[in-house]
């Protein structure tokens, strides 16, 4: 909501928020925070790849975030517990 106020337009759709909510029920709080970070990194990667493949008539500001959330969730399911254990070991 803060980012929406800064940009003056909708930055994340309602379905993305609902998808993060459901994955958070399964992954837990720390797993979902890792999922958010991984999804944002993968989303930037997908956006960089798709910007070159887009034709001139498509709106460049419309990039779907759902595939990045799905890829981030798979990443967290496979490697998340080890990363969280490693990171929380510093404290």
PDB file of N, CA and C in Angstrom:
ATOM      1  N   UNK A   1       0.820  -1.189   0.000  1.00  0.00           N
ATOM      2  CA  UNK A   1       0.000   0.000   0.000  1.00  0.00           C
ATOM      3  C   UNK A   1       0.867   1.257   0.000  1.00  0.00           C
ATOM      4  N   UNK A   2       2.012   1.181   0.677  1.00  0.00           N
ATOM      5  CA  UNK A   2       2.910   2.341   0.703  1.00  0.00           C
ATOM      6  C   UNK A   2       3.488   2.589  -0.688  1.00  0.00           C
ATOM      7  N   UNK A   3       3.876   1.499  -1.359  1.00  0.00           N
ATOM      8  CA  UNK A   3       4.440   1.639  -2.704  1.00  0.00           C
ATOM      9  C   UNK A   3       3.380   2.164  -3.677  1.00  0.00           C
ATOM     10  N   UNK A   4       2.114   1.763  -3.493  1.00  0.00           N
ATOM     11  CA  UNK A   4       1.037   2.287  -4.325  1.00  0.00           C
ATOM     12  C   UNK A   4       0.897   3.790  -4.143  1.00  0.00           C
ATOM     13  N   UNK A   5       1.025   4.271  -2.916  1.00  0.00           N
ATOM     14  CA  UNK A   5       0.938   5.715  -2.641  1.00  0.00           C
ATOM     15  C   UNK A   5       2.107   6.467  -3.272  1.00  0.00           C
ATOM     16  N   UNK A   6       3.283   5.858  -3.236  1.00  0.00           N
ATOM     17  CA  UNK A   6       4.461   6.526  -3.798  1.00  0.00           C
ATOM     18  C   UNK A   6       4.339   6.640  -5.313  1.00  0.00           C
ATOM     19  N   UNK A   7       3.964   5.534  -5.966  1.00  0.00           N
ATOM     20  CA  UNK A   7       3.852   5.536  -7.423  1.00  0.00           C
ATOM     21  C   UNK A   7       2.587   6.195  -7.943  1.00  0.00           C
ATOM     22  N   UNK A   8       1.537   6.166  -7.138  1.00  0.00           N
ATOM     23  CA  UNK A   8       0.266   6.714  -7.583  1.00  0.00           C
ATOM     24  C   UNK A   8      -0.522   5.764  -8.453  1.00  0.00           C
ATOM     25  N   UNK A   9      -0.132   4.483  -8.471  1.00  0.00           N
ATOM     26  CA  UNK A   9      -0.864   3.472  -9.217  1.00  0.00           C
ATOM     27  C   UNK A   9      -0.720   2.135  -8.497  1.00  0.00           C
ATOM     28  N   UNK A  10      -1.493   1.153  -8.927  1.00  0.00           N
ATOM     29  CA  UNK A  10      -1.462  -0.149  -8.281  1.00  0.00           C
ATOM     30  C   UNK A  10      -0.186  -0.898  -8.666  1.00  0.00           C
ATOM     31  N   UNK A  11       0.570  -1.329  -7.661  1.00  0.00           N
ATOM     32  CA  UNK A  11       1.836  -2.002  -7.936  1.00  0.00           C
ATOM     33  C   UNK A  11       1.712  -3.519  -7.854  1.00  0.00           C
ATOM     34  N   UNK A  12       0.839  -4.025  -7.000  1.00  0.00           N
ATOM     35  CA  UNK A  12       0.672  -5.468  -6.849  1.00  0.00           C
ATOM     36  C   UNK A  12      -0.825  -5.762  -6.812  1.00  0.00           C
ATOM     37  N   UNK A  13      -1.233  -6.742  -7.595  1.00  0.00           N
ATOM     38  CA  UNK A  13      -2.642  -7.082  -7.658  1.00  0.00           C
ATOM     39  C   UNK A  13      -3.113  -7.847  -6.426  1.00  0.00           C
ATOM     40  N   UNK A  14      -4.414  -7.936  -6.283  1.00  0.00           N
ATOM     41  CA  UNK A  14      -4.994  -8.641  -5.148  1.00  0.00           C
ATOM     42  C   UNK A  14      -4.710 -10.125  -5.165  1.00  0.00           C
ATOM     43  N   UNK A  15      -4.589 -10.702  -6.342  1.00  0.00           N
ATOM     44  CA  UNK A  15      -4.305 -12.142  -6.433  1.00  0.00           C
ATOM     45  C   UNK A  15      -2.901 -12.465  -5.941  1.00  0.00           C
ATOM     46  N   UNK A  16      -1.951 -11.569  -6.157  1.00  0.00           N
ATOM     47  CA  UNK A  16      -0.587 -11.784  -5.666  1.00  0.00           C
ATOM     48  C   UNK A  16      -0.559 -11.808  -4.139  1.00  0.00           C
ATOM     49  N   UNK A  17      -1.295 -10.911  -3.523  1.00  0.00           N
ATOM     50  CA  UNK A  17      -1.358 -10.856  -2.065  1.00  0.00           C
ATOM     51  C   UNK A  17      -2.016 -12.112  -1.514  1.00  0.00           C
ATOM     52  N   UNK A  18      -3.075 -12.561  -2.166  1.00  0.00           N
ATOM     53  CA  UNK A  18      -3.749 -13.788  -1.730  1.00  0.00           C
ATOM     54  C   UNK A  18      -2.833 -15.002  -1.894  1.00  0.00           C
ATOM     55  N   UNK A  19      -2.059 -15.027  -2.965  1.00  0.00           N
ATOM     56  CA  UNK A  19      -1.126 -16.130  -3.192  1.00  0.00           C
ATOM     57  C   UNK A  19      -0.038 -16.154  -2.120  1.00  0.00           C
ATOM     58  N   UNK A  20       0.479 -14.988  -1.747  1.00  0.00           N
ATOM     59  CA  UNK A  20       1.457 -14.929  -0.662  1.00  0.00           C
ATOM     60  C   UNK A  20       0.832 -15.359   0.664  1.00  0.00           C
ATOM     61  N   UNK A  21      -0.425 -15.015   0.881  1.00  0.00           N
ATOM     62  CA  UNK A  21      -1.100 -15.422   2.110  1.00  0.00           C
ATOM     63  C   UNK A  21      -1.202 -16.937   2.208  1.00  0.00           C
ATOM     64  N   UNK A  22      -1.597 -17.573   1.125  1.00  0.00           N
ATOM     65  CA  UNK A  22      -1.757 -19.030   1.130  1.00  0.00           C
ATOM     66  C   UNK A  22      -0.411 -19.729   1.261  1.00  0.00           C
ATOM     67  N   UNK A  23       0.606 -19.237   0.574  1.00  0.00           N
ATOM     68  CA  UNK A  23       1.928 -19.846   0.722  1.00  0.00           C
ATOM     69  C   UNK A  23       2.474 -19.623   2.126  1.00  0.00           C
ATOM     70  N   UNK A  24       2.123 -18.497   2.751  1.00  0.00           N
ATOM     71  CA  UNK A  24       2.541 -18.231   4.119  1.00  0.00           C
ATOM     72  C   UNK A  24       1.924 -19.183   5.118  1.00  0.00           C
ATOM     73  N   UNK A  25       0.712 -19.647   4.833  1.00  0.00           N
ATOM     74  CA  UNK A  25       0.099 -20.644   5.709  1.00  0.00           C
ATOM     75  C   UNK A  25       0.883 -21.949   5.691  1.00  0.00           C
ATOM     76  N   UNK A  26       1.453 -22.265   4.567  1.00  0.00           N
ATOM     77  CA  UNK A  26       2.205 -23.512   4.436  1.00  0.00           C
ATOM     78  C   UNK A  26       3.660 -23.354   4.860  1.00  0.00           C
ATOM     79  N   UNK A  27       4.302 -22.248   4.461  1.00  0.00           N
ATOM     80  CA  UNK A  27       5.726 -22.065   4.716  1.00  0.00           C
ATOM     81  C   UNK A  27       6.029 -21.487   6.095  1.00  0.00           C
ATOM     82  N   UNK A  28       5.091 -20.819   6.703  1.00  0.00           N
ATOM     83  CA  UNK A  28       5.340 -20.151   7.978  1.00  0.00           C
ATOM     84  C   UNK A  28       5.868 -18.748   7.749  1.00  0.00           C
ATOM     85  N   UNK A  29       6.082 -18.029   8.850  1.00  0.00           N
ATOM     86  CA  UNK A  29       6.488 -16.632   8.750  1.00  0.00           C
ATOM     87  C   UNK A  29       7.866 -16.468   8.116  1.00  0.00           C
ATOM     88  N   UNK A  30       8.859 -17.159   8.634  1.00  0.00           N
ATOM     89  CA  UNK A  30      10.216 -17.016   8.086  1.00  0.00           C
ATOM     90  C   UNK A  30      10.314 -17.553   6.662  1.00  0.00           C
ATOM     91  N   UNK A  31       9.623 -18.654   6.402  1.00  0.00           N
ATOM     92  CA  UNK A  31       9.623 -19.202   5.052  1.00  0.00           C
ATOM     93  C   UNK A  31       8.970 -18.267   4.056  1.00  0.00           C
ATOM     94  N   UNK A  32       7.911 -17.584   4.488  1.00  0.00           N
ATOM     95  CA  UNK A  32       7.230 -16.666   3.580  1.00  0.00           C
ATOM     96  C   UNK A  32       8.049 -15.390   3.364  1.00  0.00           C
ATOM     97  N   UNK A  33       8.793 -14.953   4.360  1.00  0.00           N
ATOM     98  CA  UNK A  33       9.685 -13.814   4.142  1.00  0.00           C
ATOM     99  C   UNK A  33      10.783 -14.164   3.141  1.00  0.00           C
ATOM    100  N   UNK A  34      11.325 -15.363   3.271  1.00  0.00           N
ATOM    101  CA  UNK A  34      12.299 -15.825   2.280  1.00  0.00           C
ATOM    102  C   UNK A  34      11.651 -15.952   0.905  1.00  0.00           C
ATOM    103  N   UNK A  35      10.408 -16.412   0.881  1.00  0.00           N
ATOM    104  CA  UNK A  35       9.666 -16.529  -0.374  1.00  0.00           C
ATOM    105  C   UNK A  35       9.476 -15.152  -1.016  1.00  0.00           C
ATOM    106  N   UNK A  36       9.181 -14.141  -0.217  1.00  0.00           N
ATOM    107  CA  UNK A  36       9.009 -12.790  -0.742  1.00  0.00           C
ATOM    108  C   UNK A  36      10.307 -12.284  -1.363  1.00  0.00           C
ATOM    109  N   UNK A  37      11.417 -12.492  -0.673  1.00  0.00           N
ATOM    110  CA  UNK A  37      12.714 -12.043  -1.191  1.00  0.00           C
ATOM    111  C   UNK A  37      13.071 -12.801  -2.471  1.00  0.00           C
ATOM    112  N   UNK A  38      12.910 -14.124  -2.453  1.00  0.00           N
ATOM    113  CA  UNK A  38      13.238 -14.935  -3.629  1.00  0.00           C
ATOM    114  C   UNK A  38      12.332 -14.583  -4.802  1.00  0.00           C
ATOM    115  N   UNK A  39      11.043 -14.353  -4.531  1.00  0.00           N
ATOM    116  CA  UNK A  39      10.106 -14.006  -5.598  1.00  0.00           C
ATOM    117  C   UNK A  39      10.436 -12.663  -6.222  1.00  0.00           C
ATOM    118  N   UNK A  40      10.844 -11.708  -5.404  1.00  0.00           N
ATOM    119  CA  UNK A  40      11.213 -10.394  -5.949  1.00  0.00           C
ATOM    120  C   UNK A  40      12.451 -10.499  -6.820  1.00  0.00           C
ATOM    121  N   UNK A  41      13.434 -11.270  -6.387  1.00  0.00           N
ATOM    122  CA  UNK A  41      14.654 -11.446  -7.193  1.00  0.00           C
ATOM    123  C   UNK A  41      14.318 -12.159  -8.500  1.00  0.00           C
ATOM    124  N   UNK A  42      13.506 -13.213  -8.422  1.00  0.00           N
ATOM    125  CA  UNK A  42      13.118 -13.929  -9.642  1.00  0.00           C
ATOM    126  C   UNK A  42      12.236 -13.071 -10.533  1.00  0.00           C
ATOM    127  N   UNK A  43      11.390 -12.238  -9.934  1.00  0.00           N
ATOM    128  CA  UNK A  43      10.554 -11.326 -10.713  1.00  0.00           C
ATOM    129  C   UNK A  43      11.379 -10.321 -11.489  1.00  0.00           C
ATOM    130  N   UNK A  44      12.444  -9.804 -10.869  1.00  0.00           N
ATOM    131  CA  UNK A  44      13.339  -8.894 -11.584  1.00  0.00           C
ATOM    132  C   UNK A  44      14.047  -9.607 -12.728  1.00  0.00           C
ATOM    133  N   UNK A  45      14.446 -10.847 -12.472  1.00  0.00           N
ATOM    134  CA  UNK A  45      15.092 -11.638 -13.513  1.00  0.00           C
ATOM    135  C   UNK A  45      14.134 -11.899 -14.677  1.00  0.00           C
ATOM    136  N   UNK A  46      12.884 -12.299 -14.357  1.00  0.00           N
ATOM    137  CA  UNK A  46      11.874 -12.534 -15.401  1.00  0.00           C
ATOM    138  C   UNK A  46      11.570 -11.248 -16.167  1.00  0.00           C
ATOM    139  N   UNK A  47      11.516 -10.117 -15.465  1.00  0.00           N
ATOM    140  CA  UNK A  47      11.228  -8.842 -16.129  1.00  0.00           C
ATOM    141  C   UNK A  47      12.345  -8.451 -17.081  1.00  0.00           C
ATOM    142  N   UNK A  48      13.588  -8.689 -16.671  1.00  0.00           N
ATOM    143  CA  UNK A  48      14.718  -8.371 -17.551  1.00  0.00           C
ATOM    144  C   UNK A  48      14.702  -9.239 -18.799  1.00  0.00           C
ATOM    145  N   UNK A  49      14.359 -10.521 -18.617  1.00  0.00           N
ATOM    146  CA  UNK A  49      14.301 -11.413 -19.782  1.00  0.00           C
ATOM    147  C   UNK A  49      13.127 -11.084 -20.689  1.00  0.00           C
ATOM    148  N   UNK A  50      11.982 -10.755 -20.106  1.00  0.00           N
ATOM    149  CA  UNK A  50      10.802 -10.517 -20.933  1.00  0.00           C
ATOM    150  C   UNK A  50      10.803  -9.142 -21.574  1.00  0.00           C
ATOM    151  N   UNK A  51      11.588  -8.197 -21.058  1.00  0.00           N
ATOM    152  CA  UNK A  51      11.603  -6.869 -21.668  1.00  0.00           C
ATOM    153  C   UNK A  51      12.203  -6.912 -23.066  1.00  0.00           C
ATOM    154  N   UNK A  52      13.129  -7.814 -23.288  1.00  0.00           N
ATOM    155  CA  UNK A  52      13.722  -7.937 -24.621  1.00  0.00           C
ATOM    156  C   UNK A  52      12.807  -8.686 -25.579  1.00  0.00           C
ATOM    157  N   UNK A  53      11.947  -9.559 -25.031  1.00  0.00           N
ATOM    158  CA  UNK A  53      11.078 -10.367 -25.876  1.00  0.00           C
ATOM    159  C   UNK A  53       9.740  -9.690 -26.172  1.00  0.00           C
ATOM    160  N   UNK A  54       9.429  -8.587 -25.499  1.00  0.00           N
ATOM    161  CA  UNK A  54       8.141  -7.915 -25.700  1.00  0.00           C
ATOM    162  C   UNK A  54       8.126  -7.158 -27.024  1.00  0.00           C
ATOM    163  N   UNK A  55       6.967  -7.141 -27.632  1.00  0.00           N
ATOM    164  CA  UNK A  55       6.812  -6.364 -28.864  1.00  0.00           C
ATOM    165  C   UNK A  55       6.543  -4.903 -28.498  1.00  0.00           C
ATOM    166  N   UNK A  56       6.595  -4.047 -29.442  1.00  0.00           N
ATOM    167  CA  UNK A  56       6.462  -2.615 -29.194  1.00  0.00           C
ATOM    168  C   UNK A  56       5.085  -2.174 -28.758  1.00  0.00           C
ATOM    169  N   UNK A  57       4.025  -2.971 -29.025  1.00  0.00           N
ATOM    170  CA  UNK A  57       2.676  -2.529 -28.696  1.00  0.00           C
ATOM    171  C   UNK A  57       2.211  -2.985 -27.313  1.00  0.00           C
ATOM    172  N   UNK A  58       2.995  -3.764 -26.591  1.00  0.00           N
ATOM    173  CA  UNK A  58       2.608  -4.213 -25.258  1.00  0.00           C
ATOM    174  C   UNK A  58       3.023  -3.182 -24.216  1.00  0.00           C
ATOM    175  N   UNK A  59       2.233  -3.093 -23.147  1.00  0.00           N
ATOM    176  CA  UNK A  59       2.527  -2.160 -22.072  1.00  0.00           C
ATOM    177  C   UNK A  59       3.691  -2.709 -21.251  1.00  0.00           C
ATOM    178  N   UNK A  60       4.830  -2.025 -21.217  1.00  0.00           N
ATOM    179  CA  UNK A  60       5.995  -2.562 -20.505  1.00  0.00           C
ATOM    180  C   UNK A  60       5.840  -2.561 -18.990  1.00  0.00           C
ATOM    181  N   UNK A  61       4.857  -1.821 -18.456  1.00  0.00           N
ATOM    182  CA  UNK A  61       4.695  -1.783 -17.007  1.00  0.00           C
ATOM    183  C   UNK A  61       3.885  -2.962 -16.476  1.00  0.00           C
ATOM    184  N   UNK A  62       3.282  -3.745 -17.350  1.00  0.00           N
ATOM    185  CA  UNK A  62       2.484  -4.894 -16.928  1.00  0.00           C
ATOM    186  C   UNK A  62       3.320  -6.171 -17.002  1.00  0.00           C
ATOM    187  N   UNK A  63       3.847  -6.576 -15.862  1.00  0.00           N
ATOM    188  CA  UNK A  63       4.655  -7.784 -15.771  1.00  0.00           C
ATOM    189  C   UNK A  63       3.978  -8.687 -14.749  1.00  0.00           C
ATOM    190  N   UNK A  64       3.575  -9.897 -15.118  1.00  0.00           N
ATOM    191  CA  UNK A  64       2.915 -10.773 -14.143  1.00  0.00           C
ATOM    192  C   UNK A  64       3.885 -11.224 -13.059  1.00  0.00           C
ATOM    193  N   UNK A  65       3.428 -11.161 -11.805  1.00  0.00           N
ATOM    194  CA  UNK A  65       4.263 -11.523 -10.668  1.00  0.00           C
ATOM    195  C   UNK A  65       3.962 -12.937 -10.181  1.00  0.00           C
ATOM    196  N   UNK A  66       2.843 -13.516 -10.604  1.00  0.00           N
ATOM    197  CA  UNK A  66       2.457 -14.854 -10.180  1.00  0.00           C
ATOM    198  C   UNK A  66       3.471 -15.937 -10.507  1.00  0.00           C
ATOM    199  N   UNK A  67       4.019 -15.970 -11.724  1.00  0.00           N
ATOM    200  CA  UNK A  67       5.047 -16.980 -12.015  1.00  0.00           C
ATOM    201  C   UNK A  67       6.292 -16.849 -11.138  1.00  0.00           C
ATOM    202  N   UNK A  68       6.665 -15.620 -10.789  1.00  0.00           N
ATOM    203  CA  UNK A  68       7.814 -15.433  -9.905  1.00  0.00           C
ATOM    204  C   UNK A  68       7.489 -15.917  -8.494  1.00  0.00           C
ATOM    205  N   UNK A  69       6.259 -15.715  -8.039  1.00  0.00           N
ATOM    206  CA  UNK A  69       5.858 -16.218  -6.725  1.00  0.00           C
ATOM    207  C   UNK A  69       5.877 -17.740  -6.717  1.00  0.00           C
ATOM    208  N   UNK A  70       5.396 -18.346  -7.795  1.00  0.00           N
ATOM    209  CA  UNK A  70       5.403 -19.810  -7.881  1.00  0.00           C
ATOM    210  C   UNK A  70       6.832 -20.352  -7.893  1.00  0.00           C
ATOM    211  N   UNK A  71       7.719 -19.716  -8.640  1.00  0.00           N
ATOM    212  CA  UNK A  71       9.123 -20.163  -8.679  1.00  0.00           C
ATOM    213  C   UNK A  71       9.796 -19.949  -7.323  1.00  0.00           C
ATOM    214  N   UNK A  72       9.492 -18.835  -6.666  1.00  0.00           N
ATOM    215  CA  UNK A  72      10.045 -18.580  -5.346  1.00  0.00           C
ATOM    216  C   UNK A  72       9.545 -19.577  -4.311  1.00  0.00           C
ATOM    217  N   UNK A  73       8.292 -19.989  -4.445  1.00  0.00           N
ATOM    218  CA  UNK A  73       7.734 -20.983  -3.527  1.00  0.00           C
ATOM    219  C   UNK A  73       8.419 -22.328  -3.710  1.00  0.00           C
ATOM    220  N   UNK A  74       8.648 -22.735  -4.944  1.00  0.00           N
ATOM    221  CA  UNK A  74       9.378 -23.988  -5.184  1.00  0.00           C
ATOM    222  C   UNK A  74      10.790 -23.910  -4.634  1.00  0.00           C
ATOM    223  N   UNK A  75      11.435 -22.781  -4.822  1.00  0.00           N
ATOM    224  CA  UNK A  75      12.776 -22.588  -4.283  1.00  0.00           C
ATOM    225  C   UNK A  75      12.766 -22.737  -2.758  1.00  0.00           C
ATOM    226  N   UNK A  76      11.782 -22.125  -2.109  1.00  0.00           N
ATOM    227  CA  UNK A  76      11.692 -22.192  -0.644  1.00  0.00           C
ATOM    228  C   UNK A  76      11.338 -23.592  -0.168  1.00  0.00           C
ATOM    229  N   UNK A  77      10.540 -24.307  -0.931  1.00  0.00           N
ATOM    230  CA  UNK A  77      10.221 -25.684  -0.545  1.00  0.00           C
ATOM    231  C   UNK A  77      11.450 -26.582  -0.643  1.00  0.00           C
ATOM    232  N   UNK A  78      12.296 -26.348  -1.628  1.00  0.00           N
ATOM    233  CA  UNK A  78      13.473 -27.180  -1.813  1.00  0.00           C
ATOM    234  C   UNK A  78      14.642 -26.780  -0.908  1.00  0.00           C
ATOM    235  N   UNK A  79      14.904 -25.485  -0.776  1.00  0.00           N
ATOM    236  CA  UNK A  79      16.109 -25.025  -0.090  1.00  0.00           C
ATOM    237  C   UNK A  79      15.837 -24.116   1.107  1.00  0.00           C
ATOM    238  N   UNK A  80      14.591 -23.794   1.363  1.00  0.00           N
ATOM    239  CA  UNK A  80      14.256 -22.785   2.354  1.00  0.00           C
ATOM    240  C   UNK A  80      14.680 -23.113   3.772  1.00  0.00           C
ATOM    241  N   UNK A  81      14.431 -24.325   4.204  1.00  0.00           N
ATOM    242  CA  UNK A  81      14.751 -24.674   5.594  1.00  0.00           C
ATOM    243  C   UNK A  81      16.249 -24.585   5.866  1.00  0.00           C
ATOM    244  N   UNK A  82      17.051 -25.034   4.923  1.00  0.00           N
ATOM    245  CA  UNK A  82      18.495 -24.932   5.086  1.00  0.00           C
ATOM    246  C   UNK A  82      18.970 -23.492   5.126  1.00  0.00           C
ATOM    247  N   UNK A  83      18.403 -22.639   4.278  1.00  0.00           N
ATOM    248  CA  UNK A  83      18.789 -21.226   4.251  1.00  0.00           C
ATOM    249  C   UNK A  83      18.361 -20.536   5.539  1.00  0.00           C
ATOM    250  N   UNK A  84      17.148 -20.827   6.002  1.00  0.00           N
ATOM    251  CA  UNK A  84      16.656 -20.207   7.239  1.00  0.00           C
ATOM    252  C   UNK A  84      17.482 -20.663   8.436  1.00  0.00           C
ATOM    253  N   UNK A  85      17.810 -21.947   8.500  1.00  0.00           N
ATOM    254  CA  UNK A  85      18.636 -22.466   9.595  1.00  0.00           C
ATOM    255  C   UNK A  85      20.023 -21.826   9.571  1.00  0.00           C
ATOM    256  N   UNK A  86      20.598 -21.699   8.392  1.00  0.00           N
ATOM    257  CA  UNK A  86      21.907 -21.073   8.253  1.00  0.00           C
ATOM    258  C   UNK A  86      21.851 -19.608   8.695  1.00  0.00           C
ATOM    259  N   UNK A  87      20.830 -18.885   8.249  1.00  0.00           N
ATOM    260  CA  UNK A  87      20.746 -17.458   8.556  1.00  0.00           C
ATOM    261  C   UNK A  87      20.437 -17.201  10.031  1.00  0.00           C
ATOM    262  N   UNK A  88      19.520 -17.958  10.610  1.00  0.00           N
ATOM    263  CA  UNK A  88      19.201 -17.753  12.024  1.00  0.00           C
ATOM    264  C   UNK A  88      20.315 -18.239  12.937  1.00  0.00           C
ATOM    265  N   UNK A  89      21.252 -19.011  12.428  1.00  0.00           N
ATOM    266  CA  UNK A  89      22.405 -19.445  13.202  1.00  0.00           C
ATOM    267  C   UNK A  89      23.340 -18.313  13.549  1.00  0.00           C
ATOM    268  N   UNK A  90      23.231 -17.174  12.853  1.00  0.00           N
ATOM    269  CA  UNK A  90      24.049 -16.014  13.161  1.00  0.00           C
ATOM    270  C   UNK A  90      23.606 -15.301  14.426  1.00  0.00           C
ATOM    271  N   UNK A  91      22.368 -15.574  14.861  1.00  0.00           N
ATOM    272  CA  UNK A  91      21.834 -14.861  16.026  1.00  0.00           C
ATOM    273  C   UNK A  91      21.899 -15.747  17.192  1.00  0.00           C
TER     274      UNK A  91
END
